[in-house]
């Protein structure tokens, strides 16, 4: 049963196992065995004491005897699953329990297999019969921890709201991007992704993770701009019980959660400068400390950072530490704006519309290509979703697109003048062109004079004058 700590991967965060048994000798045996196996052991003499520990400290797995005074192992299991008090009825205390999916292993006697099966039906991760082999217990704990990690990973996948903006396109800049991803993915190097908002920075980070040896681990994303500064340190590094007001129990942070996987720090230039110093130390030493703690925790993660600012300008503006920049900028990827790869717009449109089974007319593609897309790929996806709704999930035409896109095409690519117009006579040609533009603007805005004037970039008063001049109703 005894496993030398040197045989374990010391870069992994040490897991905390709570042993619950009313027999002091057995409890002491479990404590020693768990510590020798490389775990951090906690002990409780009955279920009530175990619940108090779970409410105040982080626990990765519970190993409990079935028969105990005051509160049995089965009652403890039900209380954990219900998130309540001793009988699982105190719903007001639900938030005090760390995780209703906390793995629980039941220890029972040989003649109580039916009770053990009932415990499994109530949510136990596994059961072990007395007298048990300590190696068997360790294997059971390892299976429970592995399953718990899969639960967390599935939760992350369910909550993933990343826009479906796949790395679509065969323009030269996209081919270079794909090559950069293939080059850096198998390596351990830290990656810095720079690009405008909506260019797909997180998508590139996920592609790097998927192509790396860490793909079986978690991909944990943190938006540094979306989390209040006073909470970001705890979010990243976790905290100990009592570290600040409201810290009623210890909490693991995103660094520990991403152990063995990839941590994506989006908008890293929005991180407070003091916290950047702590991040730099964590990257250099692969060691973190929770807020309010003094115990170093070794972590094995790969960091991919991203920013929509020019990193050099961020350094000048005091938004990014220069030493942190050099640590993050081991391998840099600059994402192109959509206006720099307009040849990919057609493929992107087909990609986004495929799930709706909606087609798009070439005239609409021409309108999309003429636009400069300040919001990049994310804006394109939203525009196409809106157009599909307006079209009733039929073929998307220019009339289904925003006015600023169609108006741009109308003004820069007017239809040929009528054959009856003498193209060498300037005043009639101008008059015919103005008539066409005004008529097209009114058709696009469904007769709204104010919107048509904005589309034509003239005042509404001028439009009314032109309507009277050309007798356009």
Foldseek 3Di string as FASTA:
>chain_A
DFDAPVVDDQLAFAAEEEEEALDVVVQVVVCVRQVRVRHHYHYYNHLQRVVVCQLAEDHQAYEYEQDHPPAGPLQSLLLLLLQAHSNSPHNVNNVSGDDSLRAYEYEEAPVPVVVQVVSVVSRHQYYHHPPGDVVVVVVSVVVSNVVVLVVVQVVCVVPDPPDPQALFDDPPLSVVLVVLLLVPLADLAFEEEEAAAQLQQVVSVLSSQCSYPLVVFHEAEDEQQVDDQVCVQCQAAWAADPLDPPRSHTDGHPQNRRFSGEYEYEQQLSHDPVVLVQVLVCLVPQWHAHRPGDDITHGHYHYYYYHHDDVVVSVVVVSDDPVSCVRNVPDYHYGDFCLVPLVRLVVSLCVLLVVLPEAEDPQLSVLVSLDRPSNGSVVSSVQSVQLCVVVVNYYRYNLSGDLLSVLSCCVVPPDDFDPPDDPVDPPVVVLRSVVRLLVVLCVSVVNDLCSSCVSVVHHSVVSVVNCVVVVPD
